[in-house]
Amino acid sequence: MPDNSALSALLDEVRRGDEAAFSALSEQYRPLTESMAVRYAAKADAEQGLVSVDDFRQEAGLALYRAALSFDREQTDVSFGLFAKVCVRNAMVSLLRRASRVRKMGDRERLAAAAEKTADRDPLSRLVSRETHRSLVERASGVLSPYELTIFEQYIAGRSPREIAEQVGRPVKSVNNAVCRIKAKLKGLLRDSN
């Protein structure tokens, strides 16, 4: 690592936009950025390999550049090396978290697709696809309690259990339980009508 005066001059040149100065700084801090990129890429592999070691290397380089631009040389508590290490580590963690969110979003999309495939087997979905909203509510009113009917009307209108719970002033668990009872009752109604 360069001494303080050489580092200070190098940081000044980086701040002025000198690409050669940043290349020199990157080369000096390559052991840090490379080791962190490799370590976090290994963690990403545990997260189903959504990002590569090259992604982490690129993020480490960007973090080092941002550190060079934002390091306050007037303060004496923290060296540039430590500041750069923290900046690079934070960038690695952020990239890992983004990859994890992407994986989770992918999981949700797969679950939604599976739910669509099974929707044809769901008695509530079959009823909704066979009848209009009004006739469906009229038919269901004979087997559902007033509370269940309220939940049912909102549910077939496309509202989520959370939205329904907020509207009727009940816990989400109560709404989910009501939806389960409604499905069971309507399944019986379907059997009786077939």
N, C-alpha and C. Protein backbone atom coordinates (compact mmCIF):
# COMPACT_ATOMS: atom_id res chain seq x y z
N MET A 1 0.84 -1.18 0.00
CA MET A 1 0.00 0.00 0.00
C MET A 1 0.89 1.25 0.00
N PRO A 2 0.45 2.30 -0.64
CA PRO A 2 1.27 3.51 -0.71
C PRO A 2 1.32 4.23 0.63
N ASP A 3 2.36 5.05 0.83
CA ASP A 3 2.41 5.84 2.05
C ASP A 3 1.33 6.92 1.97
N ASN A 4 1.13 7.61 3.08
CA ASN A 4 0.01 8.57 3.15
C ASN A 4 0.10 9.68 2.11
N SER A 5 1.29 10.24 1.87
CA SER A 5 1.39 11.34 0.91
C SER A 5 1.18 10.83 -0.52
N ALA A 6 1.70 9.65 -0.84
CA ALA A 6 1.51 9.09 -2.18
C ALA A 6 0.04 8.71 -2.38
N LEU A 7 -0.58 8.16 -1.33
CA LEU A 7 -2.00 7.80 -1.42
C LEU A 7 -2.85 9.05 -1.59
N SER A 8 -2.52 10.09 -0.84
CA SER A 8 -3.26 11.34 -0.93
C SER A 8 -3.18 11.91 -2.35
N ALA A 9 -2.00 11.88 -2.94
CA ALA A 9 -1.83 12.38 -4.32
C ALA A 9 -2.62 11.51 -5.29
N LEU A 10 -2.58 10.20 -5.08
CA LEU A 10 -3.31 9.27 -5.95
C LEU A 10 -4.81 9.52 -5.87
N LEU A 11 -5.32 9.73 -4.66
CA LEU A 11 -6.75 10.00 -4.48
C LEU A 11 -7.13 11.32 -5.14
N ASP A 12 -6.25 12.33 -5.05
CA ASP A 12 -6.51 13.60 -5.73
C ASP A 12 -6.65 13.39 -7.24
N GLU A 13 -5.75 12.60 -7.81
CA GLU A 13 -5.80 12.34 -9.25
C GLU A 13 -7.07 11.58 -9.64
N VAL A 14 -7.47 10.61 -8.80
CA VAL A 14 -8.71 9.86 -9.07
C VAL A 14 -9.89 10.81 -9.05
N ARG A 15 -9.90 11.72 -8.10
CA ARG A 15 -11.01 12.68 -8.00
C ARG A 15 -11.05 13.64 -9.18
N ARG A 16 -9.91 13.88 -9.79
CA ARG A 16 -9.88 14.73 -10.99
C ARG A 16 -10.26 13.95 -12.25
N GLY A 17 -10.51 12.64 -12.09
CA GLY A 17 -10.95 11.84 -13.23
C GLY A 17 -9.84 11.13 -13.97
N ASP A 18 -8.66 11.03 -13.38
CA ASP A 18 -7.52 10.38 -14.04
C ASP A 18 -7.71 8.86 -13.97
N GLU A 19 -7.97 8.27 -15.13
CA GLU A 19 -8.21 6.82 -15.18
C GLU A 19 -6.97 6.02 -14.83
N ALA A 20 -5.81 6.51 -15.22
CA ALA A 20 -4.56 5.81 -14.90
C ALA A 20 -4.34 5.78 -13.39
N ALA A 21 -4.73 6.85 -12.71
CA ALA A 21 -4.58 6.89 -11.25
C ALA A 21 -5.51 5.87 -10.61
N PHE A 22 -6.72 5.76 -11.13
CA PHE A 22 -7.63 4.76 -10.55
C PHE A 22 -7.14 3.35 -10.86
N SER A 23 -6.58 3.14 -12.03
CA SER A 23 -6.01 1.82 -12.36
C SER A 23 -4.89 1.46 -11.38
N ALA A 24 -4.06 2.44 -11.05
CA ALA A 24 -2.98 2.21 -10.09
C ALA A 24 -3.55 1.90 -8.70
N LEU A 25 -4.57 2.65 -8.31
CA LEU A 25 -5.21 2.41 -7.00
C LEU A 25 -5.86 1.03 -6.99
N SER A 26 -6.53 0.67 -8.07
CA SER A 26 -7.18 -0.64 -8.16
C SER A 26 -6.16 -1.76 -8.05
N GLU A 27 -5.01 -1.58 -8.69
CA GLU A 27 -3.96 -2.60 -8.64
C GLU A 27 -3.43 -2.76 -7.21
N GLN A 28 -3.28 -1.65 -6.51
CA GLN A 28 -2.78 -1.70 -5.13
C GLN A 28 -3.77 -2.39 -4.20
N TYR A 29 -5.06 -2.23 -4.48
CA TYR A 29 -6.10 -2.81 -3.60
C TYR A 29 -6.72 -4.08 -4.20
N ARG A 30 -6.09 -4.61 -5.25
CA ARG A 30 -6.61 -5.82 -5.88
C ARG A 30 -6.69 -7.00 -4.91
N PRO A 31 -5.68 -7.24 -4.04
CA PRO A 31 -5.82 -8.36 -3.10
C PRO A 31 -7.09 -8.25 -2.23
N LEU A 32 -7.40 -7.04 -1.81
CA LEU A 32 -8.62 -6.83 -1.00
C LEU A 32 -9.87 -7.10 -1.83
N THR A 33 -9.97 -6.46 -2.99
CA THR A 33 -11.20 -6.60 -3.78
C THR A 33 -11.37 -8.02 -4.30
N GLU A 34 -10.27 -8.65 -4.69
CA GLU A 34 -10.35 -10.03 -5.22
C GLU A 34 -10.78 -11.01 -4.13
N SER A 35 -10.16 -10.90 -2.95
CA SER A 35 -10.52 -11.85 -1.89
C SER A 35 -11.97 -11.69 -1.47
N MET A 36 -12.44 -10.44 -1.40
CA MET A 36 -13.84 -10.23 -1.02
C MET A 36 -14.79 -10.71 -2.12
N ALA A 37 -14.43 -10.47 -3.37
CA ALA A 37 -15.29 -10.91 -4.48
C ALA A 37 -15.41 -12.43 -4.49
N VAL A 38 -14.30 -13.11 -4.30
CA VAL A 38 -14.32 -14.58 -4.30
C VAL A 38 -15.11 -15.10 -3.11
N ARG A 39 -14.91 -14.51 -1.93
CA ARG A 39 -15.61 -14.96 -0.72
C ARG A 39 -17.12 -14.78 -0.87
N TYR A 40 -17.55 -13.62 -1.35
CA TYR A 40 -18.99 -13.38 -1.47
C TYR A 40 -19.60 -14.13 -2.64
N ALA A 41 -18.83 -14.40 -3.67
CA ALA A 41 -19.35 -15.22 -4.78
C ALA A 41 -19.62 -16.63 -4.29
N ALA A 42 -18.77 -17.13 -3.38
CA ALA A 42 -18.99 -18.46 -2.80
C ALA A 42 -20.29 -18.47 -2.00
N LYS A 43 -20.57 -17.38 -1.28
CA LYS A 43 -21.84 -17.28 -0.55
C LYS A 43 -23.01 -17.21 -1.52
N ALA A 44 -22.81 -16.53 -2.64
CA ALA A 44 -23.87 -16.42 -3.64
C ALA A 44 -24.17 -17.78 -4.25
N ASP A 45 -23.13 -18.62 -4.41
CA ASP A 45 -23.37 -19.97 -4.92
C ASP A 45 -24.30 -20.73 -3.98
N ALA A 46 -24.16 -20.48 -2.70
CA ALA A 46 -25.07 -21.10 -1.74
C ALA A 46 -26.48 -20.57 -1.95
N GLU A 47 -26.60 -19.38 -2.52
CA GLU A 47 -27.90 -18.79 -2.83
C GLU A 47 -28.34 -19.15 -4.25
N GLN A 48 -27.89 -20.27 -4.75
CA GLN A 48 -28.26 -20.83 -6.05
C GLN A 48 -27.58 -20.11 -7.22
N GLY A 49 -26.39 -19.56 -6.99
CA GLY A 49 -25.56 -19.04 -8.07
C GLY A 49 -26.20 -17.99 -8.95
N LEU A 50 -26.89 -17.05 -8.38
CA LEU A 50 -27.55 -16.03 -9.20
C LEU A 50 -26.60 -14.95 -9.68
N VAL A 51 -25.45 -14.81 -9.01
CA VAL A 51 -24.45 -13.84 -9.44
C VAL A 51 -23.10 -14.54 -9.49
N SER A 52 -22.26 -14.10 -10.41
CA SER A 52 -20.96 -14.75 -10.60
C SER A 52 -19.87 -13.98 -9.87
N VAL A 53 -18.69 -14.58 -9.83
CA VAL A 53 -17.54 -13.91 -9.22
C VAL A 53 -17.20 -12.65 -10.00
N ASP A 54 -17.43 -12.64 -11.31
CA ASP A 54 -17.19 -11.43 -12.10
C ASP A 54 -18.12 -10.30 -11.69
N ASP A 55 -19.37 -10.63 -11.37
CA ASP A 55 -20.30 -9.60 -10.89
C ASP A 55 -19.77 -8.98 -9.60
N PHE A 56 -19.26 -9.83 -8.70
CA PHE A 56 -18.72 -9.33 -7.44
C PHE A 56 -17.44 -8.53 -7.67
N ARG A 57 -16.60 -8.95 -8.62
CA ARG A 57 -15.39 -8.18 -8.93
C ARG A 57 -15.75 -6.79 -9.43
N GLN A 58 -16.74 -6.74 -10.32
CA GLN A 58 -17.16 -5.45 -10.86
C GLN A 58 -17.72 -4.56 -9.75
N GLU A 59 -18.54 -5.14 -8.89
CA GLU A 59 -19.12 -4.37 -7.79
C GLU A 59 -18.03 -3.89 -6.84
N ALA A 60 -17.01 -4.72 -6.60
CA ALA A 60 -15.90 -4.33 -5.73
C ALA A 60 -15.13 -3.16 -6.34
N GLY A 61 -14.92 -3.19 -7.66
CA GLY A 61 -14.23 -2.08 -8.33
C GLY A 61 -15.01 -0.78 -8.23
N LEU A 62 -16.32 -0.88 -8.41
CA LEU A 62 -17.16 0.31 -8.28
C LEU A 62 -17.15 0.86 -6.85
N ALA A 63 -17.17 -0.04 -5.89
CA ALA A 63 -17.15 0.37 -4.49
C ALA A 63 -15.81 1.05 -4.15
N LEU A 64 -14.72 0.52 -4.68
CA LEU A 64 -13.41 1.13 -4.46
C LEU A 64 -13.38 2.53 -5.08
N TYR A 65 -13.94 2.68 -6.25
CA TYR A 65 -13.99 3.99 -6.91
C TYR A 65 -14.81 4.98 -6.08
N ARG A 66 -15.98 4.55 -5.61
CA ARG A 66 -16.81 5.43 -4.78
C ARG A 66 -16.08 5.78 -3.48
N ALA A 67 -15.33 4.83 -2.93
CA ALA A 67 -14.56 5.09 -1.71
C ALA A 67 -13.49 6.14 -1.98
N ALA A 68 -12.82 6.04 -3.12
CA ALA A 68 -11.78 7.01 -3.47
C ALA A 68 -12.37 8.41 -3.61
N LEU A 69 -13.58 8.49 -4.15
CA LEU A 69 -14.21 9.79 -4.34
C LEU A 69 -14.74 10.38 -3.03
N SER A 70 -15.16 9.53 -2.11
CA SER A 70 -15.84 10.05 -0.92
C SER A 70 -14.99 10.04 0.36
N PHE A 71 -13.78 9.50 0.30
CA PHE A 71 -12.95 9.42 1.51
C PHE A 71 -12.58 10.82 1.98
N ASP A 72 -12.81 11.06 3.26
CA ASP A 72 -12.50 12.35 3.87
C ASP A 72 -11.08 12.28 4.45
N ARG A 73 -10.14 12.91 3.75
CA ARG A 73 -8.74 12.85 4.19
C ARG A 73 -8.47 13.78 5.36
N GLU A 74 -9.40 14.65 5.66
CA GLU A 74 -9.20 15.58 6.79
C GLU A 74 -9.33 14.85 8.12
N GLN A 75 -10.12 13.82 8.16
CA GLN A 75 -10.28 13.06 9.41
C GLN A 75 -9.08 12.15 9.59
N THR A 76 -8.78 11.81 10.83
CA THR A 76 -7.61 10.97 11.11
C THR A 76 -7.96 9.67 11.80
N ASP A 77 -9.25 9.42 12.02
CA ASP A 77 -9.66 8.23 12.76
C ASP A 77 -9.59 6.95 11.93
N VAL A 78 -9.85 7.05 10.64
CA VAL A 78 -9.96 5.86 9.79
C VAL A 78 -9.03 6.02 8.59
N SER A 79 -8.27 4.98 8.32
CA SER A 79 -7.38 5.00 7.15
C SER A 79 -8.21 4.74 5.89
N PHE A 80 -7.63 5.10 4.74
CA PHE A 80 -8.33 4.84 3.49
C PHE A 80 -8.51 3.34 3.30
N GLY A 81 -7.51 2.55 3.68
CA GLY A 81 -7.60 1.09 3.52
C GLY A 81 -8.79 0.51 4.25
N LEU A 82 -8.99 0.95 5.48
CA LEU A 82 -10.13 0.45 6.26
C LEU A 82 -11.44 0.96 5.66
N PHE A 83 -11.44 2.24 5.27
CA PHE A 83 -12.64 2.81 4.66
C PHE A 83 -13.01 2.06 3.38
N ALA A 84 -12.00 1.78 2.55
CA ALA A 84 -12.24 1.05 1.30
C ALA A 84 -12.75 -0.36 1.60
N LYS A 85 -12.17 -1.00 2.61
CA LYS A 85 -12.60 -2.36 2.96
C LYS A 85 -14.08 -2.37 3.38
N VAL A 86 -14.48 -1.40 4.18
CA VAL A 86 -15.88 -1.32 4.61
C VAL A 86 -16.79 -1.04 3.42
N CYS A 87 -16.37 -0.13 2.55
CA CYS A 87 -17.19 0.18 1.37
C CYS A 87 -17.36 -1.04 0.46
N VAL A 88 -16.26 -1.76 0.24
CA VAL A 88 -16.32 -2.95 -0.62
C VAL A 88 -17.19 -4.02 0.04
N ARG A 89 -17.01 -4.23 1.34
CA ARG A 89 -17.82 -5.23 2.04
C ARG A 89 -19.31 -4.88 1.95
N ASN A 90 -19.65 -3.62 2.17
CA ASN A 90 -21.05 -3.20 2.08
C ASN A 90 -21.62 -3.43 0.68
N ALA A 91 -20.80 -3.17 -0.34
CA ALA A 91 -21.25 -3.40 -1.72
C ALA A 91 -21.47 -4.89 -1.98
N MET A 92 -20.59 -5.73 -1.41
CA MET A 92 -20.74 -7.19 -1.59
C MET A 92 -22.02 -7.68 -0.92
N VAL A 93 -22.26 -7.19 0.29
CA VAL A 93 -23.47 -7.59 1.02
C VAL A 93 -24.71 -7.13 0.27
N SER A 94 -24.69 -5.91 -0.25
CA SER A 94 -25.84 -5.40 -1.01
C SER A 94 -26.11 -6.24 -2.25
N LEU A 95 -25.05 -6.62 -2.97
CA LEU A 95 -25.23 -7.45 -4.15
C LEU A 95 -25.78 -8.83 -3.78
N LEU A 96 -25.28 -9.37 -2.69
CA LEU A 96 -25.78 -10.67 -2.22
C LEU A 96 -27.26 -10.58 -1.84
N ARG A 97 -27.64 -9.50 -1.18
CA ARG A 97 -29.05 -9.32 -0.81
C ARG A 97 -29.94 -9.16 -2.03
N ARG A 98 -29.46 -8.40 -3.02
CA ARG A 98 -30.25 -8.24 -4.25
C ARG A 98 -30.45 -9.59 -4.92
N ALA A 99 -29.39 -10.40 -4.96
CA ALA A 99 -29.49 -11.73 -5.56
C ALA A 99 -30.49 -12.59 -4.80
N SER A 100 -30.48 -12.47 -3.48
CA SER A 100 -31.41 -13.24 -2.66
C SER A 100 -32.85 -12.81 -2.93
N ARG A 101 -33.07 -11.49 -3.07
CA ARG A 101 -34.43 -11.00 -3.37
C ARG A 101 -34.88 -11.50 -4.74
N VAL A 102 -33.98 -11.49 -5.70
CA VAL A 102 -34.33 -11.98 -7.04
C VAL A 102 -34.72 -13.45 -6.96
N ARG A 103 -33.95 -14.23 -6.19
CA ARG A 103 -34.26 -15.66 -6.04
C ARG A 103 -35.62 -15.82 -5.39
N LYS A 104 -35.90 -15.04 -4.36
CA LYS A 104 -37.19 -15.14 -3.68
C LYS A 104 -38.33 -14.73 -4.59
N MET A 105 -38.10 -13.69 -5.41
CA MET A 105 -39.13 -13.29 -6.37
C MET A 105 -39.39 -14.42 -7.35
N GLY A 106 -38.33 -15.08 -7.78
CA GLY A 106 -38.48 -16.23 -8.68
C GLY A 106 -39.27 -17.33 -8.03
N ASP A 107 -39.03 -17.56 -6.72
CA ASP A 107 -39.79 -18.57 -5.98
C ASP A 107 -41.26 -18.20 -5.95
N ARG A 108 -41.56 -16.91 -5.73
CA ARG A 108 -42.96 -16.48 -5.69
C ARG A 108 -43.64 -16.67 -7.04
N GLU A 109 -42.90 -16.36 -8.11
CA GLU A 109 -43.47 -16.53 -9.45
C GLU A 109 -43.75 -18.00 -9.74
N ARG A 110 -42.84 -18.88 -9.30
CA ARG A 110 -43.08 -20.32 -9.49
C ARG A 110 -44.30 -20.76 -8.70
N LEU A 111 -44.45 -20.24 -7.47
CA LEU A 111 -45.62 -20.59 -6.67
C LEU A 111 -46.90 -20.08 -7.31
N ALA A 112 -46.85 -18.87 -7.86
CA ALA A 112 -48.03 -18.31 -8.52
C ALA A 112 -48.41 -19.14 -9.74
N ALA A 113 -47.41 -19.58 -10.49
CA ALA A 113 -47.69 -20.42 -11.66
C ALA A 113 -48.30 -21.75 -11.23
N ALA A 114 -47.78 -22.32 -10.15
CA ALA A 114 -48.34 -23.58 -9.64
C ALA A 114 -49.77 -23.36 -9.16
N ALA A 115 -50.03 -22.22 -8.54
CA ALA A 115 -51.39 -21.92 -8.07
C ALA A 115 -52.34 -21.79 -9.26
N GLU A 116 -51.87 -21.19 -10.35
CA GLU A 116 -52.71 -21.08 -11.55
C GLU A 116 -53.05 -22.45 -12.11
N LYS A 117 -52.06 -23.34 -12.09
CA LYS A 117 -52.29 -24.68 -12.63
C LYS A 117 -53.31 -25.44 -11.79
N THR A 118 -53.29 -25.21 -10.47
CA THR A 118 -54.23 -25.92 -9.60
C THR A 118 -55.55 -25.19 -9.45
N ALA A 119 -55.63 -23.98 -9.99
CA ALA A 119 -56.87 -23.20 -9.84
C ALA A 119 -58.07 -23.92 -10.43
N ASP A 120 -57.84 -24.69 -11.49
CA ASP A 120 -58.95 -25.40 -12.10
C ASP A 120 -59.53 -26.44 -11.16
N ARG A 121 -58.71 -26.92 -10.23
CA ARG A 121 -59.19 -27.92 -9.28
C ARG A 121 -59.82 -27.29 -8.05
N ASP A 122 -59.64 -26.00 -7.87
CA ASP A 122 -60.17 -25.29 -6.71
C ASP A 122 -61.67 -25.03 -6.94
N PRO A 123 -62.54 -25.49 -6.03
CA PRO A 123 -63.98 -25.32 -6.25
C PRO A 123 -64.39 -23.87 -6.40
N LEU A 124 -63.73 -22.99 -5.67
CA LEU A 124 -64.06 -21.57 -5.76
C LEU A 124 -63.74 -21.05 -7.16
N SER A 125 -62.59 -21.42 -7.69
CA SER A 125 -62.21 -20.97 -9.02
C SER A 125 -63.15 -21.53 -10.08
N ARG A 126 -63.56 -22.79 -9.93
CA ARG A 126 -64.49 -23.37 -10.91
C ARG A 126 -65.82 -22.64 -10.88
N LEU A 127 -66.29 -22.30 -9.67
CA LEU A 127 -67.55 -21.57 -9.59
C LEU A 127 -67.44 -20.20 -10.23
N VAL A 128 -66.34 -19.51 -9.95
CA VAL A 128 -66.17 -18.16 -10.49
C VAL A 128 -66.12 -18.22 -12.01
N SER A 129 -65.47 -19.24 -12.57
CA SER A 129 -65.37 -19.31 -14.03
C SER A 129 -66.70 -19.73 -14.67
N ARG A 130 -67.60 -20.37 -13.94
CA ARG A 130 -68.85 -20.84 -14.52
C ARG A 130 -69.98 -19.82 -14.45
N GLU A 131 -69.95 -19.00 -13.47
CA GLU A 131 -71.10 -18.13 -13.24
C GLU A 131 -70.68 -16.68 -13.12
N THR A 132 -71.64 -15.81 -13.31
CA THR A 132 -71.36 -14.40 -13.12
C THR A 132 -71.28 -14.10 -11.63
N HIS A 133 -70.72 -12.97 -11.33
CA HIS A 133 -70.55 -12.56 -9.93
C HIS A 133 -71.88 -12.56 -9.18
N ARG A 134 -72.89 -11.96 -9.76
CA ARG A 134 -74.19 -11.82 -9.08
C ARG A 134 -74.84 -13.17 -8.80
N SER A 135 -74.91 -13.99 -9.82
CA SER A 135 -75.57 -15.28 -9.60
C SER A 135 -74.76 -16.15 -8.65
N LEU A 136 -73.47 -15.98 -8.67
CA LEU A 136 -72.62 -16.73 -7.76
C LEU A 136 -72.88 -16.33 -6.32
N VAL A 137 -72.99 -15.03 -6.09
CA VAL A 137 -73.26 -14.55 -4.73
C VAL A 137 -74.65 -15.01 -4.28
N GLU A 138 -75.63 -14.95 -5.18
CA GLU A 138 -76.97 -15.42 -4.82
C GLU A 138 -76.96 -16.90 -4.46
N ARG A 139 -76.26 -17.68 -5.24
CA ARG A 139 -76.20 -19.12 -5.00
C ARG A 139 -75.47 -19.43 -3.69
N ALA A 140 -74.40 -18.69 -3.43
CA ALA A 140 -73.61 -18.92 -2.22
C ALA A 140 -74.32 -18.43 -0.97
N SER A 141 -75.20 -17.44 -1.11
CA SER A 141 -75.86 -16.88 0.07
C SER A 141 -76.71 -17.91 0.80
N GLY A 142 -77.09 -18.96 0.13
CA GLY A 142 -77.87 -20.00 0.78
C GLY A 142 -77.05 -20.89 1.70
N VAL A 143 -75.73 -20.92 1.53
CA VAL A 143 -74.90 -21.82 2.35
C VAL A 143 -73.89 -21.07 3.23
N LEU A 144 -73.70 -19.79 2.99
CA LEU A 144 -72.69 -19.04 3.75
C LEU A 144 -73.33 -18.16 4.81
N SER A 145 -72.60 -17.97 5.92
CA SER A 145 -73.05 -17.04 6.96
C SER A 145 -72.89 -15.62 6.43
N PRO A 146 -73.52 -14.63 7.07
CA PRO A 146 -73.37 -13.25 6.61
C PRO A 146 -71.89 -12.80 6.55
N TYR A 147 -71.11 -13.19 7.57
CA TYR A 147 -69.67 -12.84 7.58
C TYR A 147 -68.96 -13.52 6.41
N GLU A 148 -69.22 -14.80 6.21
CA GLU A 148 -68.59 -15.53 5.11
C GLU A 148 -68.99 -14.94 3.76
N LEU A 149 -70.25 -14.54 3.65
CA LEU A 149 -70.72 -13.95 2.40
C LEU A 149 -69.98 -12.63 2.11
N THR A 150 -69.77 -11.82 3.14
CA THR A 150 -69.02 -10.58 2.98
C THR A 150 -67.60 -10.87 2.51
N ILE A 151 -66.96 -11.84 3.15
CA ILE A 151 -65.60 -12.22 2.78
C ILE A 151 -65.59 -12.76 1.35
N PHE A 152 -66.54 -13.60 1.04
CA PHE A 152 -66.63 -14.23 -0.28
C PHE A 152 -66.77 -13.17 -1.38
N GLU A 153 -67.66 -12.20 -1.19
CA GLU A 153 -67.86 -11.16 -2.19
C GLU A 153 -66.57 -10.41 -2.47
N GLN A 154 -65.84 -10.10 -1.40
CA GLN A 154 -64.58 -9.37 -1.57
C GLN A 154 -63.51 -10.26 -2.20
N TYR A 155 -63.51 -11.52 -1.81
CA TYR A 155 -62.51 -12.46 -2.32
C TYR A 155 -62.66 -12.67 -3.83
N ILE A 156 -63.89 -12.85 -4.29
CA ILE A 156 -64.09 -13.07 -5.73
C ILE A 156 -63.93 -11.78 -6.52
N ALA A 157 -63.95 -10.63 -5.81
CA ALA A 157 -63.69 -9.36 -6.48
C ALA A 157 -62.18 -9.16 -6.67
N GLY A 158 -61.38 -10.08 -6.14
CA GLY A 158 -59.95 -10.03 -6.36
C GLY A 158 -59.13 -9.43 -5.24
N ARG A 159 -59.75 -9.16 -4.12
CA ARG A 159 -59.00 -8.57 -3.00
C ARG A 159 -58.25 -9.66 -2.25
N SER A 160 -57.10 -9.28 -1.71
CA SER A 160 -56.28 -10.23 -0.95
C SER A 160 -56.86 -10.35 0.46
N PRO A 161 -56.53 -11.44 1.15
CA PRO A 161 -57.00 -11.59 2.53
C PRO A 161 -56.60 -10.40 3.42
N ARG A 162 -55.41 -9.86 3.19
CA ARG A 162 -54.97 -8.70 3.97
C ARG A 162 -55.87 -7.49 3.71
N GLU A 163 -56.18 -7.25 2.44
CA GLU A 163 -57.06 -6.12 2.11
C GLU A 163 -58.46 -6.32 2.70
N ILE A 164 -58.94 -7.55 2.62
CA ILE A 164 -60.26 -7.85 3.17
C ILE A 164 -60.25 -7.63 4.68
N ALA A 165 -59.21 -8.10 5.35
CA ALA A 165 -59.10 -7.96 6.81
C ALA A 165 -59.14 -6.50 7.21
N GLU A 166 -58.42 -5.66 6.47
CA GLU A 166 -58.42 -4.23 6.77
C GLU A 166 -59.82 -3.65 6.60
N GLN A 167 -60.52 -4.06 5.56
CA GLN A 167 -61.83 -3.51 5.29
C GLN A 167 -62.88 -3.94 6.31
N VAL A 168 -62.85 -5.22 6.71
CA VAL A 168 -63.87 -5.70 7.65
C VAL A 168 -63.44 -5.55 9.11
N GLY A 169 -62.20 -5.12 9.34
CA GLY A 169 -61.74 -4.90 10.70
C GLY A 169 -61.52 -6.17 11.49
N ARG A 170 -61.08 -7.20 10.83
CA ARG A 170 -60.81 -8.49 11.48
C ARG A 170 -59.37 -8.88 11.19
N PRO A 171 -58.80 -9.80 11.98
CA PRO A 171 -57.43 -10.27 11.71
C PRO A 171 -57.37 -11.04 10.39
N VAL A 172 -56.20 -11.02 9.77
CA VAL A 172 -55.99 -11.74 8.51
C VAL A 172 -56.25 -13.23 8.71
N LYS A 173 -55.86 -13.76 9.85
CA LYS A 173 -56.08 -15.19 10.13
C LYS A 173 -57.58 -15.52 10.10
N SER A 174 -58.42 -14.63 10.63
CA SER A 174 -59.86 -14.83 10.61
C SER A 174 -60.38 -14.89 9.17
N VAL A 175 -59.86 -14.00 8.33
CA VAL A 175 -60.27 -13.97 6.93
C VAL A 175 -59.81 -15.24 6.23
N ASN A 176 -58.56 -15.66 6.47
CA ASN A 176 -58.07 -16.90 5.85
C ASN A 176 -58.89 -18.11 6.29
N ASN A 177 -59.25 -18.15 7.56
CA ASN A 177 -60.09 -19.25 8.04
C ASN A 177 -61.46 -19.23 7.36
N ALA A 178 -62.01 -18.04 7.20
CA ALA A 178 -63.31 -17.92 6.54
C ALA A 178 -63.22 -18.38 5.08
N VAL A 179 -62.13 -18.04 4.41
CA VAL A 179 -61.95 -18.47 3.02
C VAL A 179 -61.89 -19.99 2.94
N CYS A 180 -61.22 -20.61 3.90
CA CYS A 180 -61.16 -22.09 3.93
C CYS A 180 -62.55 -22.69 4.13
N ARG A 181 -63.32 -22.11 5.06
CA ARG A 181 -64.69 -22.60 5.27
C ARG A 181 -65.54 -22.40 4.03
N ILE A 182 -65.39 -21.25 3.39
CA ILE A 182 -66.15 -20.95 2.17
C ILE A 182 -65.84 -21.97 1.09
N LYS A 183 -64.56 -22.27 0.91
CA LYS A 183 -64.17 -23.24 -0.12
C LYS A 183 -64.78 -24.61 0.17
N ALA A 184 -64.77 -25.01 1.43
CA ALA A 184 -65.34 -26.31 1.80
C ALA A 184 -66.84 -26.33 1.53
N LYS A 185 -67.53 -25.26 1.91
CA LYS A 185 -68.98 -25.20 1.69
C LYS A 185 -69.32 -25.18 0.20
N LEU A 186 -68.54 -24.41 -0.57
CA LEU A 186 -68.83 -24.32 -2.00
C LEU A 186 -68.47 -25.62 -2.72
N LYS A 187 -67.50 -26.34 -2.18
CA LYS A 187 -67.17 -27.64 -2.76
C LYS A 187 -68.38 -28.57 -2.62
N GLY A 188 -69.02 -28.53 -1.43
CA GLY A 188 -70.23 -29.30 -1.23
C GLY A 188 -71.35 -28.84 -2.15
N LEU A 189 -71.45 -27.54 -2.34
CA LEU A 189 -72.46 -26.99 -3.24
C LEU A 189 -72.21 -27.46 -4.67
N LEU A 190 -70.97 -27.51 -5.09
CA LEU A 190 -70.62 -28.02 -6.42
C LEU A 190 -71.00 -29.48 -6.58
N ARG A 191 -70.68 -30.27 -5.54
CA ARG A 191 -71.01 -31.70 -5.62
C ARG A 191 -72.50 -31.89 -5.75
N ASP A 192 -73.27 -31.13 -4.99
CA ASP A 192 -74.72 -31.27 -5.02
C ASP A 192 -75.30 -30.85 -6.38
N SER A 193 -74.66 -29.88 -7.05
CA SER A 193 -75.22 -29.40 -8.32
C SER A 193 -74.79 -30.26 -9.51
N ASN A 194 -73.78 -31.11 -9.34
CA ASN A 194 -73.31 -31.94 -10.46
C ASN A 194 -74.09 -33.20 -10.60
